[in-house]
C-alpha atoms as a PDB file:
ATOM      1  CA  MET A   1     -21.475  46.883 -47.807  1.00  0.00           C
ATOM      2  CA  ALA A   2     -19.075  47.245 -45.511  1.00  0.00           C
ATOM      3  CA  MET A   3     -18.015  50.037 -43.795  1.00  0.00           C
ATOM      4  CA  ALA A   4     -14.138  49.358 -43.112  1.00  0.00           C
ATOM      5  CA  GLY A   5     -11.907  47.703 -39.954  1.00  0.00           C
ATOM      6  CA  PHE A   6     -15.862  46.712 -39.170  1.00  0.00           C
ATOM      7  CA  PRO A   7     -17.746  43.316 -40.506  1.00  0.00           C
ATOM      8  CA  SER A   8     -19.987  43.171 -42.715  1.00  0.00           C
ATOM      9  CA  THR A   9     -24.332  42.003 -41.138  1.00  0.00           C
ATOM     10  CA  ARG A  10     -23.636  39.145 -42.802  1.00  0.00           C
ATOM     11  CA  SER A  11     -20.539  37.276 -40.767  1.00  0.00           C
ATOM     12  CA  ARG A  12     -21.465  38.938 -37.422  1.00  0.00           C
ATOM     13  CA  ARG A  13     -25.068  36.305 -38.271  1.00  0.00           C
ATOM     14  CA  ALA A  14     -22.850  33.681 -39.090  1.00  0.00           C
ATOM     15  CA  SER A  15     -21.078  34.595 -36.395  1.00  0.00           C
ATOM     16  CA  ALA A  16     -24.128  34.805 -33.634  1.00  0.00           C
ATOM     17  CA  ARG A  17     -25.193  31.347 -34.745  1.00  0.00           C
ATOM     18  CA  ARG A  18     -22.125  29.154 -34.146  1.00  0.00           C
ATOM     19  CA  PRO A  19     -21.948  28.510 -30.279  1.00  0.00           C
ATOM     20  CA  GLY A  20     -18.455  29.272 -29.234  1.00  0.00           C
ATOM     21  CA  ALA A  21     -17.496  31.413 -32.245  1.00  0.00           C
ATOM     22  CA  CYS A  22     -15.784  34.500 -31.882  1.00  0.00           C
ATOM     23  CA  ARG A  23     -18.016  38.439 -30.920  1.00  0.00           C
ATOM     24  CA  TYR A  24     -17.128  40.803 -32.138  1.00  0.00           C
ATOM     25  CA  ARG A  25     -18.307  44.605 -30.343  1.00  0.00           C
ATOM     26  CA  ILE A  26     -18.814  46.787 -32.128  1.00  0.00           C
ATOM     27  CA  LEU A  27     -17.462  49.570 -29.867  1.00  0.00           C
ATOM     28  CA  ASP A  28     -14.666  47.963 -29.748  1.00  0.00           C
ATOM     29  CA  SER A  29     -11.456  47.275 -32.063  1.00  0.00           C
ATOM     30  CA  ARG A  30     -10.455  43.861 -30.997  1.00  0.00           C
ATOM     31  CA  PHE A  31     -12.365  40.288 -31.676  1.00  0.00           C
ATOM     32  CA  HIS A  32     -12.224  38.838 -27.805  1.00  0.00           C
ATOM     33  CA  CYS A  33     -11.917  35.363 -28.327  1.00  0.00           C
ATOM     34  CA  GLY A  34     -10.890  32.205 -25.121  1.00  0.00           C
ATOM     35  CA  PHE A  35      -9.265  33.576 -22.074  1.00  0.00           C
ATOM     36  CA  SER A  36      -7.478  35.843 -21.056  1.00  0.00           C
ATOM     37  CA  LEU A  37      -3.351  35.196 -19.283  1.00  0.00           C
ATOM     38  CA  ILE A  38      -4.573  34.992 -15.837  1.00  0.00           C
ATOM     39  CA  GLU A  39      -7.519  32.947 -15.576  1.00  0.00           C
ATOM     40  CA  LEU A  40      -6.014  30.684 -17.398  1.00  0.00           C
ATOM     41  CA  LEU A  41      -3.211  30.771 -14.066  1.00  0.00           C
ATOM     42  CA  VAL A  42      -5.688  30.252 -12.180  1.00  0.00           C
ATOM     43  CA  VAL A  43      -7.396  27.682 -13.619  1.00  0.00           C
ATOM     44  CA  ILE A  44      -3.623  25.917 -13.530  1.00  0.00           C
ATOM     45  CA  VAL A  45      -2.643  26.106 -10.390  1.00  0.00           C
ATOM     46  CA  ILE A  46      -6.001  25.447  -8.990  1.00  0.00           C
ATOM     47  CA  LEU A  47      -5.774  21.686 -10.980  1.00  0.00           C
ATOM     48  CA  GLY A  48      -1.322  22.107  -9.958  1.00  0.00           C
ATOM     49  CA  VAL A  49      -2.728  21.772  -6.100  1.00  0.00           C
ATOM     50  CA  ALA A  50      -5.259  19.271  -6.332  1.00  0.00           C
ATOM     51  CA  THR A  51      -3.633  17.222  -7.836  1.00  0.00           C
ATOM     52  CA  ALA A  52      -0.734  17.397  -5.181  1.00  0.00           C
ATOM     53  CA  ALA A  53      -3.575  16.896  -2.603  1.00  0.00           C
ATOM     54  CA  VAL A  54      -5.224  14.349  -4.572  1.00  0.00           C
ATOM     55  CA  THR A  55      -1.525  12.021  -4.975  1.00  0.00           C
ATOM     56  CA  LEU A  56      -0.946  12.463  -1.299  1.00  0.00           C
ATOM     57  CA  ALA A  57      -3.426  11.015  -0.177  1.00  0.00           C
ATOM     58  CA  ILE A  58      -2.763   7.823  -2.632  1.00  0.00           C
ATOM     59  CA  ALA A  59       0.899   7.378  -0.840  1.00  0.00           C
ATOM     60  CA  GLY A  60      -0.745   7.394   2.501  1.00  0.00           C
ATOM     61  CA  ALA A  61      -3.128   5.280   1.804  1.00  0.00           C
ATOM     62  CA  GLY A  62      -0.966   3.370  -0.721  1.00  0.00           C
ATOM     63  CA  GLY A  63       1.109   2.551   2.672  1.00  0.00           C
ATOM     64  CA  GLU A  64      -1.335   1.066   4.919  1.00  0.00           C
ATOM     65  CA  ARG A  65      -3.258  -0.994   2.382  1.00  0.00           C
ATOM     66  CA  GLN A  66       0.407  -2.914   1.474  1.00  0.00           C
ATOM     67  CA  LEU A  67       1.105  -2.937   5.513  1.00  0.00           C
ATOM     68  CA  GLU A  68      -2.724  -4.611   5.355  1.00  0.00           C
ATOM     69  CA  ARG A  69      -1.789  -6.573   2.376  1.00  0.00           C
ATOM     70  CA  ASP A  70       1.766  -8.311   4.303  1.00  0.00           C
ATOM     71  CA  ALA A  71       0.040  -8.871   7.559  1.00  0.00           C
ATOM     72  CA  GLU A  72      -2.187 -10.661   5.425  1.00  0.00           C
ATOM     73  CA  ARG A  73      -0.189 -12.996   3.244  1.00  0.00           C
ATOM     74  CA  LEU A  74       1.410 -14.160   6.602  1.00  0.00           C
ATOM     75  CA  ARG A  75      -1.725 -14.790   8.700  1.00  0.00           C
ATOM     76  CA  ALA A  76      -2.595 -16.583   5.469  1.00  0.00           C
ATOM     77  CA  LEU A  77       1.341 -18.538   5.510  1.00  0.00           C
ATOM     78  CA  VAL A  78       1.586 -19.627   7.972  1.00  0.00           C
ATOM     79  CA  ALA A  79      -2.151 -21.022   8.478  1.00  0.00           C
ATOM     80  CA  TYR A  80      -0.422 -22.755   5.760  1.00  0.00           C
ATOM     81  CA  ALA A  81       2.199 -24.552   6.210  1.00  0.00           C
ATOM     82  CA  CYS A  82       0.688 -25.355  10.171  1.00  0.00           C
ATOM     83  CA  GLU A  83      -1.172 -27.443   7.212  1.00  0.00           C
ATOM     84  CA  GLN A  84       1.778 -28.237   5.712  1.00  0.00           C
ATOM     85  CA  ALA A  85       3.098 -29.470   8.940  1.00  0.00           C
ATOM     86  CA  GLU A  86       0.852 -31.512   9.913  1.00  0.00           C
ATOM     87  CA  LEU A  87      -0.402 -32.991   7.204  1.00  0.00           C
ATOM     88  CA  GLY A  88       3.557 -34.604   5.901  1.00  0.00           C
ATOM     89  CA  GLY A  89       4.483 -34.786   9.927  1.00  0.00           C
ATOM     90  CA  SER A  90       7.547 -32.536  10.341  1.00  0.00           C
ATOM     91  CA  GLU A  91       8.502 -29.338  11.629  1.00  0.00           C
ATOM     92  CA  ILE A  92       8.195 -26.630   9.761  1.00  0.00           C
ATOM     93  CA  GLY A  93       9.513 -23.312  11.267  1.00  0.00           C
ATOM     94  CA  VAL A  94       8.727 -19.379  10.228  1.00  0.00           C
ATOM     95  CA  SER A  95      11.931 -16.388  10.834  1.00  0.00           C
ATOM     96  CA  PHE A  96      11.928 -13.299  10.337  1.00  0.00           C
ATOM     97  CA  ASN A  97      14.785 -10.423   9.958  1.00  0.00           C
ATOM     98  CA  ARG A  98      14.472  -6.738   9.216  1.00  0.00           C
ATOM     99  CA  GLY A  99      13.401  -6.994   5.863  1.00  0.00           C
ATOM    100  CA  GLY A 100      10.869 -10.488   5.148  1.00  0.00           C
ATOM    101  CA  TYR A 101      10.466 -13.937   5.909  1.00  0.00           C
ATOM    102  CA  ARG A 102      10.447 -16.804   5.304  1.00  0.00           C
ATOM    103  CA  PHE A 103      10.062 -20.304   6.545  1.00  0.00           C
ATOM    104  CA  SER A 104      12.285 -24.108   6.579  1.00  0.00           C
ATOM    105  CA  ARG A 105      11.827 -27.265   7.395  1.00  0.00           C
ATOM    106  CA  ALA A 106      12.862 -29.868  10.176  1.00  0.00           C
ATOM    107  CA  SER A 107      15.926 -31.975   8.600  1.00  0.00           C
ATOM    108  CA  HIS A 108      16.870 -34.000  12.220  1.00  0.00           C
ATOM    109  CA  ALA A 109      18.864 -30.765  13.876  1.00  0.00           C
ATOM    110  CA  ASP A 110      19.152 -28.475  11.244  1.00  0.00           C
ATOM    111  CA  TRP A 111      16.153 -26.789   9.929  1.00  0.00           C
ATOM    112  CA  ARG A 112      17.147 -26.112   5.931  1.00  0.00           C
ATOM    113  CA  PRO A 113      15.667 -22.580   4.520  1.00  0.00           C
ATOM    114  CA  LEU A 114      12.407 -23.879   2.375  1.00  0.00           C
ATOM    115  CA  GLY A 115      13.050 -21.581  -1.777  1.00  0.00           C
ATOM    116  CA  GLN A 116      10.402 -22.645  -3.804  1.00  0.00           C
ATOM    117  CA  GLY A 117       6.633 -22.816  -4.070  1.00  0.00           C
ATOM    118  CA  GLU A 118       3.901 -20.987  -2.090  1.00  0.00           C
ATOM    119  CA  LEU A 119       6.405 -21.145   1.532  1.00  0.00           C
ATOM    120  CA  ARG A 120       9.399 -19.670  -0.561  1.00  0.00           C
ATOM    121  CA  ALA A 121      10.598 -15.832   1.796  1.00  0.00           C
ATOM    122  CA  ARG A 122       9.453 -13.201   1.527  1.00  0.00           C
ATOM    123  CA  GLN A 123       9.706  -9.414   1.448  1.00  0.00           C
ATOM    124  CA  TRP A 124       7.761  -6.616   2.979  1.00  0.00           C
ATOM    125  CA  SER A 125       6.083  -4.559   0.237  1.00  0.00           C
ATOM    126  CA  VAL A 126       6.860  -1.786   2.624  1.00  0.00           C
ATOM    127  CA  ASN A 127       9.513  -0.210   5.033  1.00  0.00           C
ATOM    128  CA  ALA A 128       7.625  -1.976   8.251  1.00  0.00           C
ATOM    129  CA  GLY A 129       8.569  -1.856  11.833  1.00  0.00           C
ATOM    130  CA  THR A 130       8.144  -4.858  12.960  1.00  0.00           C
ATOM    131  CA  VAL A 131       7.901  -6.146  16.689  1.00  0.00           C
ATOM    132  CA  LEU A 132       7.053  -9.445  17.623  1.00  0.00           C
ATOM    133  CA  THR A 133       6.181 -11.088  21.390  1.00  0.00           C
ATOM    134  CA  ARG A 134       6.262 -14.664  22.853  1.00  0.00           C
ATOM    135  CA  ALA A 135       4.478 -15.542  25.667  1.00  0.00           C
ATOM    136  CA  GLY A 136       4.839 -11.736  26.444  1.00  0.00           C
ATOM    137  CA  HIS A 137       8.279 -11.686  25.482  1.00  0.00           C
ATOM    138  CA  PRO A 138      10.055  -9.447  22.659  1.00  0.00           C
ATOM    139  CA  VAL A 139      11.380 -11.633  20.710  1.00  0.00           C
ATOM    140  CA  ASP A 140      14.543 -10.611  18.428  1.00  0.00           C
ATOM    141  CA  ILE A 141      14.643  -9.653  15.178  1.00  0.00           C
ATOM    142  CA  GLY A 142      19.087  -8.337  13.793  1.00  0.00           C
ATOM    143  CA  ALA A 143      19.599  -7.765  10.182  1.00  0.00           C
ATOM    144  CA  ASP A 144      20.271 -11.526   9.321  1.00  0.00           C
ATOM    145  CA  PHE A 145      17.719 -14.076   9.627  1.00  0.00           C
ATOM    146  CA  PRO A 146      18.545 -16.662  13.711  1.00  0.00           C
ATOM    147  CA  ASP A 147      20.066 -20.208  12.320  1.00  0.00           C
ATOM    148  CA  LYS A 148      16.754 -21.532  14.465  1.00  0.00           C
ATOM    149  CA  PRO A 149      12.937 -19.950  13.716  1.00  0.00           C
ATOM    150  CA  GLN A 150      11.456 -18.582  15.774  1.00  0.00           C
ATOM    151  CA  LEU A 151       8.519 -20.143  15.387  1.00  0.00           C
ATOM    152  CA  VAL A 152       7.326 -22.891  14.690  1.00  0.00           C
ATOM    153  CA  CYS A 153       4.603 -25.281  13.570  1.00  0.00           C
ATOM    154  CA  PHE A 154       4.876 -28.636  14.927  1.00  0.00           C
ATOM    155  CA  ALA A 155       3.021 -32.289  13.438  1.00  0.00           C
ATOM    156  CA  SER A 156       1.065 -32.686  16.142  1.00  0.00           C
ATOM    157  CA  GLY A 157      -1.303 -29.052  14.361  1.00  0.00           C
ATOM    158  CA  GLU A 158       0.285 -27.160  16.988  1.00  0.00           C
ATOM    159  CA  LEU A 159       1.451 -23.628  16.781  1.00  0.00           C
ATOM    160  CA  THR A 160       4.387 -21.414  19.083  1.00  0.00           C
ATOM    161  CA  ALA A 161       2.182 -19.132  20.376  1.00  0.00           C
ATOM    162  CA  PHE A 162       2.885 -15.623  18.715  1.00  0.00           C
ATOM    163  CA  THR A 163       2.131 -11.691  18.151  1.00  0.00           C
ATOM    164  CA  LEU A 164       4.133  -9.982  15.555  1.00  0.00           C
ATOM    165  CA  GLU A 165       3.497  -5.840  14.915  1.00  0.00           C
ATOM    166  CA  LEU A 166       3.780  -4.190  12.330  1.00  0.00           C
ATOM    167  CA  ALA A 167       4.190  -0.655  12.144  1.00  0.00           C
ATOM    168  CA  LEU A 168       5.039   1.876   9.408  1.00  0.00           C
ATOM    169  CA  PRO A 169       7.387   4.316  10.600  1.00  0.00           C
ATOM    170  CA  ASP A 170       6.195   8.184  12.881  1.00  0.00           C
ATOM    171  CA  SER A 171       2.769   6.383  11.274  1.00  0.00           C
ATOM    172  CA  THR A 172      -0.264   5.001  13.947  1.00  0.00           C
ATOM    173  CA  THR A 173      -1.619   3.022  12.581  1.00  0.00           C
ATOM    174  CA  ARG A 174      -0.256  -0.982  12.570  1.00  0.00           C
ATOM    175  CA  PHE A 175      -2.018  -4.314  12.177  1.00  0.00           C
ATOM    176  CA  ARG A 176      -0.640  -7.272  13.940  1.00  0.00           C
ATOM    177  CA  VAL A 177      -1.095 -11.025  13.433  1.00  0.00           C
ATOM    178  CA  GLU A 178      -1.229 -12.834  16.406  1.00  0.00           C
ATOM    179  CA  GLY A 179      -0.892 -17.392  16.927  1.00  0.00           C
ATOM    180  CA  ARG A 180      -2.535 -19.275  18.705  1.00  0.00           C
ATOM    181  CA  PRO A 181      -0.978 -22.799  19.744  1.00  0.00           C
ATOM    182  CA  ASP A 182      -4.601 -25.614  18.365  1.00  0.00           C
ATOM    183  CA  GLY A 183      -2.863 -23.722  15.385  1.00  0.00           C
ATOM    184  CA  SER A 184      -5.119 -20.759  14.525  1.00  0.00           C
ATOM    185  CA  VAL A 185      -4.374 -17.646  13.040  1.00  0.00           C
ATOM    186  CA  ASP A 186      -5.659 -14.536  12.755  1.00  0.00           C
ATOM    187  CA  GLU A 187      -4.737 -10.773  11.436  1.00  0.00           C
ATOM    188  CA  ARG A 188      -5.667  -7.041  12.646  1.00  0.00           C
ATOM    189  CA  ARG A 189      -5.849  -3.535  12.700  1.00  0.00           C
ATOM    190  CA  ALA A 190      -5.100  -2.879  15.928  1.00  0.00           C
ATOM    191  CA  ASP A 191      -4.130   1.011  15.716  1.00  0.00           C
ATOM    192  CA  ARG A 192      -2.096   2.805  18.445  1.00  0.00           C
ATOM    193  CA  ARG A 193      -3.174   5.862  19.903  1.00  0.00           C
ATOM    194  CA  ALA A 194      -1.745   8.960  19.640  1.00  0.00           C
ATOM    195  CA  PRO A 195       0.216  10.550  22.984  1.00  0.00           C
END
């Protein structure tokens, strides 16, 4: 027979056999189950700080990965455009603006933008700073595409030699795409040194 306020021997034995079951202390008139409010708040704060740190790390690296993908895509598309110019027997130009680039085909004295297929206009997937140089001289990249392309893949298989650097704002990370006169195009990471 159980005394008032105390559990019976049978219920104490059953409670002791179940893992995680609440325990009743004889000297203390309370049941002790789970965690205190302070323990739960500490765990929530730790999880919040860890989640914020992981999110910031992924967001920073995500911009770099997108910029690297943009540089690799540009490299592949310029090489493809030069192959198509040689196969088709007509020049294909590449024009840049601050937001991206487009390809165009020579038609007599004009350049007609290509609107479909692999050589359609592309936008940078991140807000990237672009610096284009030809023969060591910078080329102005404005808000609009120029009337004539800044780079040309010739029907002979040659290419206007160029260097295009893509960089994230306020970052030392940058990627460089280089085109050579023989039509070869390379892409590599070229980080700036901190001042």
